[in-house]
Each structure stands twice: as structure tokens, then as C-alpha cells.
Amino acid sequence: MAERFAAAGAIVREAIAGGAFPAASIEVGHAAGPQWRYATGRMTYAPDAAPVDQATIFDLASLTKVLATTTLVMRAIDDGRIGLDDPVRKWIAEWSGADREAVTIRDLLAHSSGLTAYLPFYRNYRGRIEFQPAICGLPLEYAPRTQSIYSDLGFMLLAFILEDLQPPSPGFRGAPGSSDPSRSFATQVHRLASFFTAEPLRFNPPRTWRDRIAPTEVDPWRGRLLAGEVHDENTWALGGVAGHAGLFGTAAAVGAFARAALRTIAGEPLLAAPATMRTFIARTSVPGSSRALGWDTMLPTSSCGTRMSATAIGHTGFTGTSLWIDWERDLYVVVLTNRVQPTRENNRIKPVRAQLHDAIVGEVDGDF
């Protein structure tokens, strides 16, 4: 009998040999549990680098947007603490001006707020107390809701808002950047993670995890190999915790989240009320956009390949990570790599992602 997912495994090994990434950990499954777990490669391309296994931890990068920020916003909506169509200015005083007064929480989630994609704030700013006014003072790049430009900045603001939703502790009078630790974004995310997995999934991993973490880039700006230190510079300047990046975790941790998502979509109130999650995974009406709220949706040209259902949702991470959920098939695919090792200029992963997902869906459908 042929080995299950043999074609997918061969694609990963060939990608490692071809220099796309040195390390990979994959989990494929459905709501009832994982069906295939596969880890291969070494932590770096150094000949003496440690081998990768299923316990290897990766910098998840922008998977933080869906695992953490989007899910916490859903829960806050269910609790009645925030509304999708609340103006951003209701929550952030610095967000002011005629060009942006109608921008909503929904717009931030849909990447249609008018904010630019990225700016290197880390060169001049540190912490929320400096980032928040800097972001809010930017001129908008386009009229809100006329298009979608994928923006880290909007998700930074969402994390700031989440920190401020509940009243502060009695007697607390902190300014932005000095929030009550019990309400911090990191604390909220760690509590959420503990709900659906005991696997490693957190910001700022402790030194005791260091040997298990796949290094990312030899960063010329920080002047060192990043191992257990967040790759994204803006997140680093925010103390390693942000709404757009910063989580570290295993493929099993991301898989546990994916199973909770599948069960939520199917009707169990795990990550949020099922109706809320159904709203969040529907493609928006923003012209030319494939985005849902927080999530991206399937396009034949995207990282999920050509074979997933049209309703599939997913997200990628700059470091070489991805999560795709084809809920009509009751299928999820977690792919974690460190494609930015040793440099972010390495883009050989791009064709590999589509080939790998097509091979996995082909196996699930019985075509291979």
C-alpha cells in the first residue's frame, strides 16, 4: 500500500533540497483530528544544524492576525463589547479627521481602511505609546472601502483597541502603553490559546524553548541570527507583541486552532458564535478584494493552490507559514517553514506552496 501523502512529502523534500527553506513542519486534518503530520529538514542549512521534528516551534508571523487578533475581535463582538461597524474613532481618540471619521472596525479587518501596507516605524518609535499616534497621523493612501490593501498597521490598531475594551482595574489611570497587565493583548491571546491547545503557542517564547525554535533571518539591522526573537521589526519595537505578528508555535498548535475553527463553522460555539464566524469568513464586497474579515479567501492563484473549495479561508505568514481551512471538505492544512533563513530575499517558496496544497487536496479527494 502506498504511503499516505507521499507526493506531498516529496514536494517538501525537493523544496528543501532546492533551497526554498531548510525546515518544514506540516499537519493535515479534519475537525475530528489530524490525518498527517510530517516534519523534515534542519533548523538551518548549516551541515551541523539540528534536525526538525514535530515539536519544532516556528515564528508564525502574520498567522497572528487570524489565530489571535481576528478571533479575539469575534469574541468581543459576541460579548457585546464592540461592534463591527463601530467607528475606529470611538476607541482611539487620535483617529480623527474628515477623511477617516467613517472608518470602522470592519474596515480594519477587511484591510480596506485606507491605511498603507507597511512602514518601518521601528526605526523611530518604541511601544504603543509612540506607535499609536504615528499610525493615526498618517495620511490615508486611498478612500476607505474603495479597495483593499493588506495592512499590518490596521491590525496593530485592533490589538490596541482590544486592550482598551474592558474597564481598567479600580484606581488604574494608565495612558496608552501602560495598560493593566491583566488586560494586555498578550495575556488575552495566551488565555485564548490555552482554551484550544496545550501545545506551545505564545508571544516572546522563553529561553527554555530556544533549542526547539527554527531560526529565521540573519538580520542585518539587529546584527544577529534571530532564534526565538520575532522576525518582524515593528513587532520587535512593540516588545514582541502585536496584532499583526509575533506568535510562535508548533504545527500541532495551529492545527488545534484549525480544528476549533472547523467545529465553530459547523455549529459549535468554540472560537465564537457560529453565526459570527460565518460572517467573518464571508468574502467582503470591497471592489477587487478576495478578503474576508481577517481571513483571505481562495483564489486559484493563491498559496492554497487550485483545488480547494471556493469558500476556503486562509492566511500566510512572511516567514514561510500558512494555514488554509477548506470547511466544505472538513479539511485544514498547516504548513510551517522558515523560508527567510538565511535571508528574506529568498522567495523560492512561492510555487511550492501551491504545488503542496494541490497534492494534499488530491490525496484527500483520492486522485493520487
Protein backbone atom coordinates (compact mmCIF):
# COMPACT_ATOMS: atom_id res chain seq x y z
CA MET A 1 0.00 0.00 0.00
CA ALA A 2 1.36 3.40 -0.98
CA GLU A 3 2.39 5.77 1.79
CA ARG A 4 -0.24 8.41 2.51
CA PHE A 5 0.62 11.89 1.26
CA ALA A 6 3.76 10.55 -0.44
CA ALA A 7 3.52 13.14 -3.22
CA ALA A 8 3.23 15.98 -0.71
CA GLY A 9 6.20 14.71 1.28
CA ALA A 10 8.30 14.51 -1.87
CA ILE A 11 7.44 18.12 -2.76
CA VAL A 12 8.62 19.29 0.68
CA ARG A 13 11.89 17.34 0.47
CA GLU A 14 12.58 18.65 -3.03
CA ALA A 15 11.88 22.20 -1.86
CA ILE A 16 14.42 21.84 0.95
CA ALA A 17 16.99 20.44 -1.46
CA GLY A 18 16.27 23.32 -3.82
CA GLY A 19 16.85 26.00 -1.19
CA ALA A 20 13.24 27.11 -0.61
CA PHE A 21 13.57 26.63 3.17
CA PRO A 22 15.68 24.48 5.50
CA ALA A 23 12.90 23.39 7.89
CA ALA A 24 9.27 22.34 7.48
CA SER A 25 6.50 21.01 9.70
CA ILE A 26 3.09 20.13 8.27
CA GLU A 27 -0.23 19.00 9.70
CA VAL A 28 -3.26 17.97 7.68
CA GLY A 29 -6.53 17.05 9.31
CA HIS A 30 -10.23 17.50 9.80
CA ALA A 31 -12.42 18.51 12.73
CA ALA A 32 -12.06 15.13 14.42
CA GLY A 33 -8.26 15.19 14.43
CA PRO A 34 -5.03 15.22 12.41
CA GLN A 35 -4.60 12.85 9.47
CA TRP A 36 -0.97 13.52 8.54
CA ARG A 37 1.90 15.06 10.44
CA TYR A 38 5.24 15.48 8.75
CA ALA A 39 8.41 17.29 9.79
CA THR A 40 11.64 17.29 7.86
CA GLY A 41 14.80 19.26 7.24
CA ARG A 42 17.18 21.00 9.61
CA MET A 43 16.97 24.22 11.59
CA THR A 44 19.29 25.97 9.12
CA TYR A 45 21.28 24.97 6.06
CA ALA A 46 24.42 24.56 8.17
CA PRO A 47 25.70 20.97 7.90
CA ASP A 48 25.68 20.53 11.67
CA ALA A 49 22.25 22.10 12.25
CA ALA A 50 19.83 20.16 14.43
CA PRO A 51 17.12 18.14 12.68
CA VAL A 52 13.50 19.27 12.72
CA ASP A 53 10.72 17.25 14.33
CA GLN A 54 7.06 17.75 15.14
CA ALA A 55 7.99 19.59 18.35
CA THR A 56 9.85 22.30 16.40
CA ILE A 57 8.48 25.79 17.03
CA PHE A 58 8.23 28.40 14.27
CA ASP A 59 7.79 32.16 14.10
CA LEU A 60 4.20 32.23 12.82
CA ALA A 61 4.39 35.85 11.60
CA SER A 62 1.05 37.05 10.16
CA LEU A 63 -0.83 33.92 11.21
CA THR A 64 -1.09 36.02 14.38
CA LYS A 65 -3.72 38.10 12.54
CA VAL A 66 -6.20 35.20 12.41
CA LEU A 67 -5.17 32.98 15.32
CA ALA A 68 -5.15 35.88 17.77
CA THR A 69 -6.49 39.26 16.69
CA THR A 70 -9.39 38.23 14.47
CA THR A 71 -10.56 35.60 16.95
CA LEU A 72 -10.44 37.99 19.90
CA VAL A 73 -12.44 40.56 17.94
CA MET A 74 -15.08 37.90 17.21
CA ARG A 75 -15.32 37.08 20.90
CA ALA A 76 -15.57 40.74 21.84
CA ILE A 77 -18.44 41.14 19.37
CA ASP A 78 -20.23 38.15 20.89
CA ASP A 79 -19.79 39.69 24.34
CA GLY A 80 -21.30 42.96 23.14
CA ARG A 81 -18.13 44.89 23.95
CA ILE A 82 -17.52 46.12 20.41
CA GLY A 83 -19.38 46.28 17.10
CA LEU A 84 -18.13 45.58 13.60
CA ASP A 85 -19.46 48.92 12.43
CA ASP A 86 -18.16 50.93 15.37
CA PRO A 87 -16.07 53.86 14.10
CA VAL A 88 -12.40 53.48 14.93
CA ARG A 89 -12.53 56.99 16.44
CA LYS A 90 -14.89 55.65 19.12
CA TRP A 91 -11.99 53.65 20.51
CA ILE A 92 -8.89 55.64 19.52
CA ALA A 93 -9.02 59.39 20.05
CA GLU A 94 -6.06 60.09 17.74
CA TRP A 95 -8.00 58.62 14.81
CA SER A 96 -9.54 61.91 13.71
CA GLY A 97 -10.14 63.85 10.54
CA ALA A 98 -12.81 64.11 7.88
CA ASP A 99 -11.04 61.59 5.62
CA ARG A 100 -11.24 58.82 8.23
CA GLU A 101 -14.17 59.56 10.51
CA ALA A 102 -16.30 56.82 8.87
CA VAL A 103 -13.63 54.09 9.05
CA THR A 104 -14.87 51.16 11.12
CA ILE A 105 -13.60 48.05 12.88
CA ARG A 106 -14.93 46.11 9.88
CA ASP A 107 -12.70 48.17 7.57
CA LEU A 108 -9.59 47.40 9.62
CA LEU A 109 -10.38 43.67 9.48
CA ALA A 110 -11.04 43.83 5.73
CA HIS A 111 -7.81 45.77 5.01
CA SER A 112 -9.94 48.49 3.43
CA SER A 113 -9.40 51.36 5.88
CA GLY A 114 -7.20 53.48 3.63
CA LEU A 115 -4.05 52.72 5.63
CA THR A 116 -0.84 51.98 3.79
CA ALA A 117 0.52 48.44 3.83
CA TYR A 118 3.67 48.91 5.87
CA LEU A 119 6.08 51.48 7.24
CA PRO A 120 9.32 50.87 9.19
CA PHE A 121 8.14 52.51 12.41
CA TYR A 122 10.75 50.53 14.35
CA ARG A 123 13.44 52.94 13.17
CA ASN A 124 11.95 55.82 15.15
CA TYR A 125 9.32 54.55 17.59
CA ARG A 126 9.00 52.18 20.55
CA GLY A 127 5.88 50.78 22.16
CA ARG A 128 2.20 51.51 21.79
CA ILE A 129 2.51 54.99 23.26
CA GLU A 130 4.58 56.03 20.21
CA PHE A 131 3.17 53.70 17.52
CA GLN A 132 -0.50 54.61 18.03
CA PRO A 133 -0.30 58.35 17.29
CA ALA A 134 2.19 57.71 14.49
CA ILE A 135 -0.21 55.36 12.71
CA CYS A 136 -3.24 57.57 13.32
CA GLY A 137 -1.43 60.62 11.98
CA LEU A 138 -0.66 59.08 8.60
CA PRO A 139 -2.48 60.40 5.56
CA LEU A 140 -4.74 57.69 4.12
CA GLU A 141 -3.46 56.11 0.92
CA TYR A 142 -6.91 55.68 -0.66
CA ALA A 143 -10.56 56.38 0.10
CA PRO A 144 -11.81 53.80 2.63
CA ARG A 145 -13.75 50.83 1.21
CA THR A 146 -12.83 51.62 -2.39
CA GLN A 147 -10.15 48.92 -2.43
CA SER A 148 -8.22 46.59 -0.17
CA ILE A 149 -4.51 46.96 0.60
CA TYR A 150 -3.19 44.36 3.02
CA SER A 151 -2.03 46.38 6.03
CA ASP A 152 -0.13 45.44 9.16
CA LEU A 153 -0.98 48.87 10.56
CA GLY A 154 -4.69 48.21 10.85
CA PHE A 155 -4.07 45.07 12.88
CA MET A 156 -1.73 46.92 15.21
CA LEU A 157 -4.64 49.27 15.94
CA LEU A 158 -7.03 46.35 16.50
CA ALA A 159 -4.73 44.95 19.19
CA PHE A 160 -4.58 48.37 20.88
CA ILE A 161 -8.38 48.55 20.83
CA LEU A 162 -8.72 45.06 22.29
CA GLU A 163 -6.56 46.14 25.23
CA ASP A 164 -8.93 49.00 25.97
CA LEU A 165 -12.30 47.28 25.67
CA GLN A 166 -12.80 46.34 29.31
CA PRO A 167 -12.72 48.95 32.09
CA PRO A 168 -9.35 49.30 33.81
CA SER A 169 -8.77 47.91 37.28
CA PRO A 170 -10.01 50.10 40.17
CA GLY A 171 -7.75 53.07 40.62
CA PHE A 172 -5.84 52.41 37.38
CA ARG A 173 -5.07 55.54 35.38
CA GLY A 174 -2.62 54.33 32.77
CA ALA A 175 -2.05 56.00 29.42
CA PRO A 176 -1.71 54.04 26.17
CA GLY A 177 1.33 51.84 26.51
CA SER A 178 0.93 51.38 30.26
CA SER A 179 -2.10 49.08 30.22
CA ASP A 180 -3.20 46.88 33.10
CA PRO A 181 -1.24 43.63 32.55
CA SER A 182 -4.38 41.57 33.12
CA ARG A 183 -5.90 43.23 30.02
CA SER A 184 -2.80 43.21 27.85
CA PHE A 185 -3.09 41.83 24.35
CA ALA A 186 -0.51 39.13 25.16
CA THR A 187 -2.49 37.98 28.20
CA GLN A 188 -5.71 37.82 26.19
CA VAL A 189 -4.01 35.76 23.47
CA HIS A 190 -2.36 33.36 25.91
CA ARG A 191 -5.70 32.77 27.63
CA LEU A 192 -7.32 32.12 24.27
CA ALA A 193 -4.59 29.69 23.23
CA SER A 194 -4.92 27.72 26.46
CA PHE A 195 -8.58 27.17 25.62
CA PHE A 196 -7.91 25.11 22.48
CA THR A 197 -4.37 23.71 22.87
CA ALA A 198 -1.69 22.73 25.34
CA GLU A 199 0.89 22.95 22.55
CA PRO A 200 3.38 25.85 22.51
CA LEU A 201 1.65 28.98 21.19
CA ARG A 202 2.68 32.34 22.59
CA PHE A 203 4.46 35.64 22.17
CA ASN A 204 8.04 36.11 23.39
CA PRO A 205 8.93 32.43 23.86
CA PRO A 206 11.06 31.70 26.91
CA ARG A 207 14.72 30.80 26.61
CA THR A 208 13.89 27.23 27.60
CA TRP A 209 12.21 26.87 24.19
CA ARG A 210 15.20 28.24 22.27
CA ASP A 211 16.66 24.91 21.11
CA ARG A 212 13.27 23.93 19.66
CA ILE A 213 12.74 27.14 17.64
CA ALA A 214 13.60 27.25 13.95
CA PRO A 215 15.77 30.34 13.37
CA THR A 216 14.66 32.94 10.85
CA GLU A 217 16.89 35.57 9.30
CA VAL A 218 20.42 36.71 9.88
CA ASP A 219 19.05 40.20 10.42
CA PRO A 220 21.42 42.96 9.23
CA TRP A 221 19.52 45.61 11.21
CA ARG A 222 19.79 43.83 14.55
CA GLY A 223 23.12 42.29 13.61
CA ARG A 224 22.38 38.71 14.65
CA LEU A 225 20.68 35.45 13.79
CA LEU A 226 17.09 35.58 15.05
CA ALA A 227 16.27 32.47 17.05
CA GLY A 228 13.28 32.78 19.36
CA GLU A 229 13.20 36.52 18.68
CA VAL A 230 10.40 37.83 16.49
CA HIS A 231 11.42 38.40 12.88
CA ASP A 232 9.11 41.35 12.20
CA GLU A 233 10.90 44.54 13.23
CA ASN A 234 7.79 46.55 14.07
CA THR A 235 6.63 43.77 16.39
CA TRP A 236 10.09 43.76 17.99
CA ALA A 237 9.74 47.51 18.63
CA LEU A 238 6.37 46.82 20.26
CA GLY A 239 8.01 44.47 22.72
CA GLY A 240 7.46 41.29 20.72
CA VAL A 241 3.66 41.51 20.96
CA ALA A 242 1.45 42.92 18.19
CA GLY A 243 -1.85 42.39 16.44
CA HIS A 244 -0.21 41.60 13.13
CA ALA A 245 2.68 39.30 14.10
CA GLY A 246 4.67 37.87 16.98
CA LEU A 247 3.19 34.46 17.81
CA PHE A 248 5.45 31.40 17.94
CA GLY A 249 4.05 27.90 17.85
CA THR A 250 4.12 24.35 16.54
CA ALA A 251 2.18 22.88 13.64
CA ALA A 252 0.14 20.94 16.19
CA ALA A 253 -0.86 24.18 17.96
CA VAL A 254 -2.02 25.76 14.70
CA GLY A 255 -3.78 22.51 13.82
CA ALA A 256 -5.67 22.60 17.13
CA PHE A 257 -6.86 26.10 16.28
CA ALA A 258 -7.93 24.92 12.81
CA ARG A 259 -10.00 22.09 14.31
CA ALA A 260 -11.69 24.56 16.66
CA ALA A 261 -12.43 26.78 13.65
CA LEU A 262 -13.94 23.90 11.68
CA ARG A 263 -16.13 22.92 14.61
CA THR A 264 -17.20 26.53 15.10
CA ILE A 265 -18.20 26.90 11.45
CA ALA A 266 -20.13 23.62 11.77
CA GLY A 267 -22.16 24.95 14.68
CA GLU A 268 -20.24 24.58 17.95
CA PRO A 269 -19.60 27.87 19.81
CA LEU A 270 -15.89 27.29 20.41
CA LEU A 271 -13.90 30.20 18.98
CA ALA A 272 -17.02 32.37 18.71
CA ALA A 273 -20.71 32.10 17.99
CA PRO A 274 -21.03 30.13 14.74
CA ALA A 275 -23.04 32.96 13.13
CA THR A 276 -20.27 35.41 13.98
CA MET A 277 -17.60 33.20 12.46
CA ARG A 278 -19.72 32.70 9.34
CA THR A 279 -19.83 36.50 8.98
CA PHE A 280 -16.08 36.75 9.34
CA ILE A 281 -15.26 34.08 6.74
CA ALA A 282 -17.51 35.52 4.01
CA ARG A 283 -15.73 37.50 1.31
CA THR A 284 -16.40 41.22 1.64
CA SER A 285 -17.94 43.47 -1.01
CA VAL A 286 -14.81 45.64 -1.26
CA PRO A 287 -14.09 46.07 -5.00
CA GLY A 288 -11.42 43.74 -6.32
CA SER A 289 -10.73 42.14 -2.94
CA SER A 290 -10.53 38.45 -2.01
CA ARG A 291 -10.50 39.34 1.70
CA ALA A 292 -12.99 38.27 4.30
CA LEU A 293 -12.73 39.74 7.82
CA GLY A 294 -9.22 38.96 8.98
CA TRP A 295 -9.06 35.97 6.65
CA ASP A 296 -8.23 35.71 2.98
CA THR A 297 -10.35 33.52 0.72
CA MET A 298 -9.49 31.06 -2.01
CA LEU A 299 -8.29 32.22 -5.40
CA PRO A 300 -6.76 29.78 -7.91
CA THR A 301 -3.66 32.00 -7.94
CA SER A 302 -3.21 31.99 -4.15
CA SER A 303 -0.95 29.96 -1.88
CA CYS A 304 -3.63 27.27 -1.38
CA GLY A 305 -3.34 26.10 -4.99
CA THR A 306 -6.16 25.44 -7.43
CA ARG A 307 -8.14 22.59 -5.88
CA MET A 308 -9.65 23.89 -2.63
CA SER A 309 -13.30 24.89 -2.44
CA ALA A 310 -14.18 28.44 -3.47
CA THR A 311 -15.22 29.12 0.14
CA ALA A 312 -11.89 28.06 1.67
CA ILE A 313 -10.27 30.55 4.04
CA GLY A 314 -6.63 31.01 4.92
CA HIS A 315 -3.68 33.19 5.71
CA THR A 316 0.05 33.22 5.13
CA GLY A 317 2.97 34.50 7.18
CA PHE A 318 6.04 36.32 5.86
CA THR A 319 8.43 33.84 7.49
CA GLY A 320 7.04 31.00 5.37
CA THR A 321 3.95 29.88 7.26
CA SER A 322 0.36 29.27 6.21
CA LEU A 323 -2.99 27.93 7.36
CA TRP A 324 -5.77 27.02 4.96
CA ILE A 325 -9.19 25.72 6.01
CA ASP A 326 -11.48 24.15 3.41
CA TRP A 327 -14.55 23.86 5.61
CA GLU A 328 -16.71 22.35 2.89
CA ARG A 329 -14.28 19.43 2.75
CA ASP A 330 -13.78 19.42 6.53
CA LEU A 331 -10.07 19.89 5.81
CA TYR A 332 -7.25 22.02 7.14
CA VAL A 333 -3.63 22.31 6.06
CA VAL A 334 -0.91 23.82 8.26
CA VAL A 335 2.47 24.50 6.63
CA LEU A 336 5.23 25.98 8.76
CA THR A 337 8.67 26.78 7.34
CA ASN A 338 11.47 29.27 7.91
CA ARG A 339 11.88 30.38 4.31
CA VAL A 340 13.56 33.63 5.46
CA GLN A 341 16.59 31.62 6.65
CA PRO A 342 19.15 32.90 5.99
CA THR A 343 17.60 35.90 4.17
CA ARG A 344 14.14 37.32 3.42
CA GLU A 345 15.21 37.75 -0.19
CA ASN A 346 14.61 34.02 -0.69
CA ASN A 347 11.23 33.68 -2.45
CA ARG A 348 11.57 30.11 -3.73
CA ILE A 349 8.66 29.03 -1.54
CA LYS A 350 6.06 30.69 -3.77
CA PRO A 351 5.47 27.87 -6.31
CA VAL A 352 6.00 25.22 -3.63
CA ARG A 353 3.00 26.40 -1.61
CA ALA A 354 0.52 25.88 -4.45
CA GLN A 355 2.04 22.55 -5.52
CA LEU A 356 1.96 21.25 -1.96
CA HIS A 357 -1.67 22.18 -1.33
CA ASP A 358 -2.76 20.72 -4.66
CA ALA A 359 -1.01 17.44 -3.82
CA ILE A 360 -2.64 17.32 -0.38
CA VAL A 361 -6.15 18.01 -1.70
CA GLY A 362 -5.57 15.45 -4.46
CA GLU A 363 -4.70 12.84 -1.85
CA VAL A 364 -7.77 13.73 0.25
CA ASP A 365 -10.00 13.51 -2.82
CA GLY A 366 -8.46 10.18 -3.80
CA ASP A 367 -6.92 11.41 -7.05
CA PHE A 368 -3.32 10.48 -6.15
